Amino acid sequence: MSIVITAFERSPDGGMGLARDTRVRWALEEAGQPYEVRLVSRSAMKEPAHLAVHPFGQIPTYEEGDLALFESGAIIFHIAERHAGLLPQDGNARARAITWMFAALNTVEPPILELVTVRFVEGDKPWAKERMPLVVERIRSRLHQLSARLGDAEWLDGAFSAGDLMMASVLLRLKPSGIINEFPSLAAYVARAEARPAYQRAFAAQLAINAAPLPAS
């Protein structure tokens, strides 16, 4: 059964790896699994065919045979559970890697997404200027904690895992703001993740889609 994922026909970031399909591509590349990509326009994301797979009209989605999934965290967990390479064999280490996946999505990512909202969605609102320092301080607080836990280690808990994949994907969203560079150990951590061949392949595939001309309508 072939794996089919969805991605933006044109990513808001121009294919620079911030769209969530990059996470799924990366996981599939780490697991050595071939996949196909179905490109979805913003209008098509709201059509019944796509809503049948993703009830909130977003990307990515994952289809394999009669299995259809949405939410990047759930998709990556499924890939990691089914294929070798993203979760340790030891039961305790496996549980810790899964914990880091949840930490990335539930603890570290929310304030980072707030930053995106304040800058690009609410930037013209009267409260945006006052809210920005509060959001940045929440991000810095989380990064201080994460940096302290990482220390001088290469990865969060032993060998690279789905926990690192998810955490690095979340931290990549901070590159345009420069905040990540205030934490050298985390900046180096993200750079190590970006240097992985699987990430390079996933990034190149997404960038190529966004660099190609749109098909004639």
Protein backbone atom coordinates (compact mmCIF):
# COMPACT_ATOMS: atom_id res chain seq x y z
CA MET A 1 0.00 0.00 0.00
CA SER A 2 1.39 3.38 -0.97
CA ILE A 3 1.53 6.28 1.48
CA VAL A 4 -0.02 9.55 0.35
CA ILE A 5 0.38 12.79 2.28
CA THR A 6 -1.01 16.22 1.54
CA ALA A 7 0.89 19.49 1.33
CA PHE A 8 0.16 23.08 0.40
CA GLU A 9 0.07 23.73 -3.32
CA ARG A 10 1.91 26.90 -2.29
CA SER A 11 3.29 27.00 1.23
CA PRO A 12 2.90 30.30 3.16
CA ASP A 13 6.64 30.25 3.90
CA GLY A 14 7.64 29.67 0.28
CA GLY A 15 8.86 26.15 0.95
CA MET A 16 11.36 26.97 3.70
CA GLY A 17 10.43 23.98 5.83
CA LEU A 18 8.01 25.57 8.31
CA ALA A 19 4.81 23.98 7.00
CA ARG A 20 3.86 20.89 9.01
CA ASP A 21 4.06 18.52 6.06
CA THR A 22 7.85 18.91 6.36
CA ARG A 23 7.71 17.06 9.68
CA VAL A 24 5.87 14.17 8.10
CA ARG A 25 8.18 14.07 5.07
CA TRP A 26 11.16 14.06 7.43
CA ALA A 27 9.77 11.18 9.49
CA LEU A 28 9.10 9.11 6.38
CA GLU A 29 12.61 9.83 5.10
CA GLU A 30 14.13 8.79 8.45
CA ALA A 31 12.09 5.59 8.33
CA GLY A 32 13.05 4.92 4.71
CA GLN A 33 9.46 4.83 3.52
CA PRO A 34 8.49 6.01 0.02
CA TYR A 35 5.50 8.31 -0.22
CA GLU A 36 3.47 10.36 -2.65
CA VAL A 37 2.33 13.94 -2.16
CA ARG A 38 -1.06 15.29 -3.13
CA LEU A 39 -0.92 19.08 -3.39
CA VAL A 40 -3.92 20.94 -2.06
CA SER A 41 -4.91 24.53 -2.78
CA ARG A 42 -6.38 26.71 -0.04
CA SER A 43 -9.80 26.46 -1.62
CA ALA A 44 -9.57 22.68 -1.99
CA MET A 45 -8.71 22.39 1.72
CA LYS A 46 -12.27 23.51 2.48
CA GLU A 47 -13.93 21.12 0.06
CA PRO A 48 -15.79 17.98 1.27
CA ALA A 49 -13.18 15.59 -0.17
CA HIS A 50 -10.40 17.06 1.96
CA LEU A 51 -12.61 17.66 5.00
CA ALA A 52 -13.46 13.96 4.98
CA VAL A 53 -9.80 13.29 5.84
CA HIS A 54 -9.02 16.42 7.87
CA PRO A 55 -12.16 17.76 9.55
CA PHE A 56 -10.47 21.12 10.26
CA GLY A 57 -9.45 21.74 6.66
CA GLN A 58 -5.70 21.81 7.19
CA ILE A 59 -2.58 19.92 6.15
CA PRO A 60 -0.92 17.49 6.44
CA THR A 61 -2.96 14.34 6.13
CA TYR A 62 -1.73 10.77 5.79
CA GLU A 63 -3.46 8.00 3.87
CA GLU A 64 -2.34 4.39 3.59
CA GLY A 65 -4.86 1.86 2.38
CA ASP A 66 -8.00 2.32 4.46
CA LEU A 67 -6.16 4.32 7.14
CA ALA A 68 -6.53 8.11 7.09
CA LEU A 69 -4.85 10.32 9.70
CA PHE A 70 -4.54 14.03 10.41
CA GLU A 71 -2.45 16.07 12.90
CA SER A 72 1.31 15.96 12.35
CA GLY A 73 2.03 14.60 15.84
CA ALA A 74 -0.36 11.68 15.42
CA ILE A 75 1.00 10.94 11.95
CA ILE A 76 4.62 10.95 13.10
CA PHE A 77 3.78 8.79 16.11
CA HIS A 78 2.12 6.29 13.75
CA ILE A 79 5.15 6.25 11.44
CA ALA A 80 7.54 5.85 14.39
CA GLU A 81 5.47 3.00 15.85
CA ARG A 82 5.20 1.14 12.58
CA HIS A 83 8.73 1.55 11.20
CA ALA A 84 12.19 1.27 12.73
CA GLY A 85 14.46 4.26 13.16
CA LEU A 86 12.48 6.81 15.16
CA LEU A 87 11.80 5.15 18.52
CA PRO A 88 14.23 3.20 20.74
CA GLN A 89 13.76 -0.52 21.30
CA ASP A 90 14.09 -0.19 25.08
CA GLY A 91 10.66 0.36 26.59
CA ASN A 92 11.62 3.14 28.99
CA ALA A 93 13.66 5.01 26.39
CA ARG A 94 10.75 4.63 23.98
CA ALA A 95 8.36 6.15 26.50
CA ARG A 96 10.73 9.06 27.10
CA ALA A 97 11.01 9.74 23.35
CA ILE A 98 7.22 9.85 23.10
CA THR A 99 7.15 12.21 26.08
CA TRP A 100 9.47 14.59 24.22
CA MET A 101 7.12 14.51 21.23
CA PHE A 102 4.28 15.67 23.48
CA ALA A 103 6.51 18.26 25.16
CA ALA A 104 7.40 19.75 21.79
CA LEU A 105 3.78 20.10 20.73
CA ASN A 106 2.12 20.94 24.06
CA THR A 107 4.76 22.92 25.97
CA VAL A 108 7.27 24.45 23.57
CA GLU A 109 5.26 25.11 20.42
CA PRO A 110 2.25 27.08 21.79
CA PRO A 111 4.15 30.28 22.73
CA ILE A 112 6.09 30.07 19.45
CA LEU A 113 2.83 29.96 17.53
CA GLU A 114 1.64 32.96 19.56
CA LEU A 115 4.61 34.89 18.18
CA VAL A 116 3.52 34.09 14.63
CA THR A 117 -0.03 35.19 15.46
CA VAL A 118 1.05 38.50 17.01
CA ARG A 119 3.36 39.34 14.11
CA PHE A 120 1.36 38.29 11.11
CA VAL A 121 -2.28 37.96 12.15
CA GLU A 122 -2.68 40.63 14.82
CA GLY A 123 0.18 42.92 13.83
CA ASP A 124 -2.17 45.78 12.96
CA LYS A 125 -4.16 45.54 16.20
CA PRO A 126 -3.66 48.22 18.87
CA TRP A 127 -2.60 45.67 21.49
CA ALA A 128 0.01 43.91 19.35
CA LYS A 129 2.93 46.15 20.34
CA GLU A 130 2.26 45.66 24.04
CA ARG A 131 1.63 41.93 23.73
CA MET A 132 4.81 41.16 21.79
CA PRO A 133 7.29 41.42 24.73
CA LEU A 134 5.09 39.14 26.83
CA VAL A 135 5.02 36.49 24.13
CA VAL A 136 8.78 36.70 23.56
CA GLU A 137 9.41 36.37 27.29
CA ARG A 138 7.28 33.21 27.44
CA ILE A 139 9.30 31.76 24.59
CA ARG A 140 12.59 32.64 26.26
CA SER A 141 11.41 31.03 29.49
CA ARG A 142 10.72 27.75 27.71
CA LEU A 143 14.00 27.89 25.81
CA HIS A 144 15.95 28.48 29.04
CA GLN A 145 14.36 25.35 30.49
CA LEU A 146 14.94 23.28 27.37
CA SER A 147 18.53 24.47 27.02
CA ALA A 148 19.23 23.55 30.64
CA ARG A 149 17.86 20.06 30.07
CA LEU A 150 19.76 19.51 26.82
CA GLY A 151 23.06 20.72 28.26
CA ASP A 152 25.99 19.52 26.17
CA ALA A 153 24.15 16.46 24.85
CA GLU A 154 23.76 15.87 21.13
CA TRP A 155 20.10 14.86 21.40
CA LEU A 156 17.43 15.03 24.09
CA ASP A 157 17.68 11.45 25.34
CA GLY A 158 20.45 9.32 23.87
CA ALA A 159 20.16 8.65 20.15
CA PHE A 160 18.11 10.78 17.75
CA SER A 161 14.41 9.93 17.99
CA ALA A 162 10.97 11.12 17.00
CA GLY A 163 11.16 13.35 20.07
CA ASP A 164 14.10 15.20 18.56
CA LEU A 165 12.43 15.34 15.15
CA MET A 166 9.38 17.00 16.64
CA MET A 167 11.31 19.33 18.92
CA ALA A 168 13.66 20.49 16.17
CA SER A 169 10.67 21.03 13.85
CA VAL A 170 9.09 23.28 16.46
CA LEU A 171 12.30 25.22 17.14
CA LEU A 172 12.86 25.80 13.43
CA ARG A 173 9.93 28.21 13.56
CA LEU A 174 12.11 30.56 15.61
CA LYS A 175 14.85 30.94 13.00
CA PRO A 176 13.26 33.93 11.23
CA SER A 177 12.93 35.80 14.55
CA GLY A 178 16.53 35.13 15.63
CA ILE A 179 15.42 34.20 19.16
CA ILE A 180 16.92 30.72 18.85
CA ASN A 181 20.37 32.27 18.41
CA GLU A 182 20.19 33.59 21.97
CA PHE A 183 20.59 29.95 23.07
CA PRO A 184 23.74 28.57 21.40
CA SER A 185 23.18 24.98 22.51
CA LEU A 186 19.68 24.97 21.02
CA ALA A 187 20.83 26.68 17.83
CA ALA A 188 23.49 23.96 17.46
CA TYR A 189 20.86 21.29 18.22
CA VAL A 190 18.64 22.59 15.42
CA ALA A 191 21.62 22.79 13.06
CA ARG A 192 22.46 19.13 13.76
CA ALA A 193 18.88 18.17 12.98
CA GLU A 194 18.88 20.18 9.75
CA ALA A 195 22.12 18.48 8.70
CA ARG A 196 20.59 15.00 8.81
CA PRO A 197 20.29 13.57 5.29
CA ALA A 198 16.64 12.67 5.85
CA TYR A 199 15.80 16.27 6.75
CA GLN A 200 17.75 17.54 3.75
CA ARG A 201 15.72 15.32 1.43
CA ALA A 202 12.43 16.39 3.00
CA PHE A 203 13.35 20.07 2.83
CA ALA A 204 14.50 19.83 -0.79
CA ALA A 205 11.29 18.08 -1.83
CA GLN A 206 9.09 20.77 -0.29
CA LEU A 207 11.20 23.61 -1.66
CA ALA A 208 11.09 22.13 -5.17
CA ILE A 209 7.29 22.12 -5.13
CA ASN A 210 7.16 25.77 -4.12
CA ALA A 211 9.80 26.79 -6.64
CA ALA A 212 8.00 25.15 -9.55
CA PRO A 213 5.46 27.15 -11.57
CA LEU A 214 1.83 26.53 -10.76
CA PRO A 215 0.02 24.33 -13.28
CA ALA A 216 -2.19 26.18 -15.74
CA SER A 217 -5.81 26.28 -14.61
